[in-house]
Amino acid sequence: MKRLRAALRRLVGMFSAGRREREFASEIEGHLQMHIDDNVRAGMTAEEARRDALLKLGGLEQTRQAYRERGTAPFFETLWQDLRFALRQLGKNPGFTTTAVLMLSLGIAASVAIFAFVDAALLKPLPYQDPRTLVDVTESIAVFPHANLSYPDYLDWKKMNHSFRSLDAYQGAGYLLTTPSGVEPVPGLRVTDGFFHTLGVAPLLGRDFYAGEDLLSAPRTVILSYSAWQRRFDGRKDIVGQVVSLSGTSYTIVGVMPDSFEFAPRNNAEFWTTMHAGGSNSCDLRRSCHGLVGVARLNDGVSVAAALADTKAIAQQLERQYPDSNRGQGATVQTLTEAFVGDIRPILLLLLAGAGLLLLIACVNVASLLLVRSESRRREIAVRGALGASPLRLARQFVTEGVLLVFGSTLLGLVFAVLASQALLRLIPKDMLLQMPYLRGLGLNFHAVCFALAIAALATVIFSLTPIVRLSFSEMREGLTECSRGSAGVLWRKIGANLTVLELAIATVLLVGAGLLGKSFYHLLHVELNFQPDHLATLSVALPEKTYTKDEQIVAARRQLLNGIAALPGVTSVATTSVLPVTYNGNTDWIRFVGRDYNGEHNEVNERDVTATFFSTLKTKLIRGRFFNPDEDGTKPRVVIVNQALVKRYFPGQDPVGARIGDTTLSPKSIKEIVGVVDDLRESKLDEETLPAVYYPADQSPDTDFNLIVRTTQDERTLLPTLVSTIHQFDRGIGTSEESTMLRYINESETAYLHRSSAWLVGGFAGMALLLGMIGLYGVIAYSVSQRTREIGVRMALGAQREMVQRMVLKEGGRLAVVGIALGLVCSLATTLLLRSVLFGVQTWDVGTLGGVALLLAAAALLASYIPARRAASINPMEALRAE
């Protein structure tokens, strides 16, 4: 209790120091006067009486100090003094303070903003129950490491595996929703009955699907997404049990998912229906037709590797059992997190590394500024030490200044980080953002703040130790003398020069990385498409299946639509395709060549159904043969057009026109004659290989869903509303969606966005690194010139020409630049190996990029050195000698 009372008394004393000082001064003065009076009465003179009283008291100031320390908390008092002194010091040097805070805050802002994305995408667990045990399960083939499952294979895998507690499947779907204002295409997902149970999520309203509810004989039921419930049904609580019409079929709503539910691969799905395999979708029951993706929960104690071995064994068994359909079909099992964010992981880690290097340069630059500042404070520190300041107290003063500097920079950096992360978020295309639900609510969360605090703690240590180490306390005493200046200046120049070399090396690495990414993005946008993407409008069209039930009806409706659109003003050509170009390698078919030996191999090729004007609308070159005739429908002999890649692989040195292909059994209905060869129209993503492709006449295999492509002479964006109204004038029951242009489609594709954003961000980091590096080089050379003023004055007094002095200074800057650039190029060759997975069409050791970066840095270094060199050449020798 005594200690507690003493502590409380000290705490209270901190807030009443003035009053206590006055009271104690009055008390001690009275006590002293009493001693003086006694001494005078004892016969001493007044002067001797006061001196003796002071000696007995033990010194007036010492007594006051002892009282003060007992009545308050000296540590906090001196800390408050240090804070006020540090604020005055920083305020007296606004240039230094502003520069240091801005540089450090930029580095912190870049690092925290990118970390927020890394945290949201890579560190935050998926919002499912025990997400570590959830895995993505697919088949694999030679062409695609992740290939869809067929429904029969899925059933066999589910029955035969020993690794999964549950295995379910899903498939993307689209429906025509009947609304009071007409039909509207809506995205959906077909799932097996245990899909939500496997994920470990429950509906907000209603119930999950029952077991067996995905069978063909079960009633049709649907679960709504939260957004569909709010937007289309006004969030009505009585929606469960209501009936909704999807593509002309009635579904009973049995549940609503919570707002927090997300499923990245198909996050735009509004209606979740059960599979009902074997209904109108003829693909479901064919083992050779692959359209499902599996999601499973591992049994306790089973690893991903063990599950992969298990599924591979099942795939091999099925291959032996069904050699025709399952030949070469393997298995792939990966964590669900890897399946969702695996594509963007390299990009995010690359950006985080770039931001980290920028932060390192900023720290080096601020440390350099602190070194320069500590040089100018040598005499001040020496005087304070001579007046009694202990080394610990002086060190604490440096720590206090470092903490204040970092505190201000961190606050400003966090504000910049929030603005930067929101700006980056807005740059992501809307369609792409839908597939990244984990970015929802991106901002300064607990992890990001902890990351910023870790940076701040590290920076505080660096910025506190820098002046302490620089001004060792033995040197402080030397600071009182003038002779120490020369050796200290030389030492600082060496340290500053080394830091500048480090900055230039880091700037070189970032510039090389930015150059490679920029070149990669340029190559990506200039990849050969083999069609003209400008002035092309695109639109997805869905005919209602209940209305257009026969092939003849679909063919007739499509022809009438195309004729009506072709007659619109400005339209020069119109066509349809089952899959738009520059989309993906997929929707494949297995082909077999008539008249050739066959041993069961799967010749996997892209398969597209197009109308007769498809190639002329895209302006794709015909290499050999002919295009389709407009009247080639189901009543005419079946024909096919192939691309150059197919010819190179299967008809090397031969003319394929006239050859015939079919399915793996060469069933009579599948036999088609090759009538033409076209250039390698890019069907895949921009950075993927162009696979062999076959094009079938759309009228020989009619489908109610197709994509419209319209070439126009006017701005294609202005044509889109007219296209929609024209289609609805023909039939209001037809659904239209995804109105866009081919150029927008390409520029906003995921591939283009990832390459563009990484190039721009790393380029931005590199630009700032270049600027900071040049500032650092300029500071070193300018400081060197200021320290060598006397030497330069002597040289010029002895006859040195101004040009010689200028060259001498430029050589100093050039030497640092050469060492920094050379070191940076060596580091670049090593670090850019990490970029291989994100580069396209460019090597990591690209000579042009390395040479260009070296020249750019050399020119910038020359410019940074020129100003202090010119200043050195203008020194008046007499004034320099007199000043020294």
Foldseek 3Di string as FASTA:
>chain_A
DVVVVQQVQQAVCVVVVPVVLVVVVVVVVVVLVVQLVVVVVVPDDSVVSSVVSCVVVPHDVVVSVVVNVSRHPVVVVLVVVLLVVLVVVCVVCVVLLVLLLVLLLQLLLLLLLLVLVCCLQPVDADPFPPQQQKKKKAKQFPVGRGFFAAQVLQVLCQVQFPWFPGKKKKFKDWWFWQDPVFTAIAIAMAIAQCVCVQRHFFFPAFGGGDHPCQALPHAKAKEFEPVCCCPVVVVDNPQQQDWTAILNDIHGYGGYHDNPDADQVCRRHGIYIYNNFPDPDPRRPDRQRGGMMMMGGTDPPADQVNSQVRQQVSLVVVCVVPVQRSPRIGMDMDRSSCVQCVVCVLLSVLSSVLSNLSSVLSLLLSLLSLLVVLLVCLQVLLVVVVVPQDLVSVLVSQLSSLLVSLVSSLVSSLVSNQVVSVVVVVPADPVNVSSSVSCVPRGDDPVSVVVSVVSSVVSSVSRSVSSCVLNPPVCSNVSNDPVVSQVSLVVSLVVLLVSLLQLLLSLLLLLLVLLQLVVLLVCLVVPDQLFDQAQKWKKKKFFSCVVQVDLVSLLVLVVVLQVLVCPDPFFPHKKWKAADAQAAFDPWAFKDWPPDDDDSDGQIAAEMAMAQCVCVQRVWAWDDFHTDDRPPAQVDAWAKEKEPQCCVVPPNPHDQQQTWMAHPVPDVLGIHGYGTYTYQRHRHHSQDDRGIYMYTHCRHPPDRIIMMMTGGPDRNVVCQVVSVVSSVVSPSNMYMDDTDGSVCCNCSDPLSVSSVVSSVSSVVSSVSSLVSSLVSLLVSLLSVLVSCLLVLLVVVVVPDALVNLLVVSLVVLLVSLVSSLVSSLVVQLVVCVSVVVSGGPADSPHVVSSVVSSVVSNVSSSVSSNVSSNVSSPRNSVVSNVVD
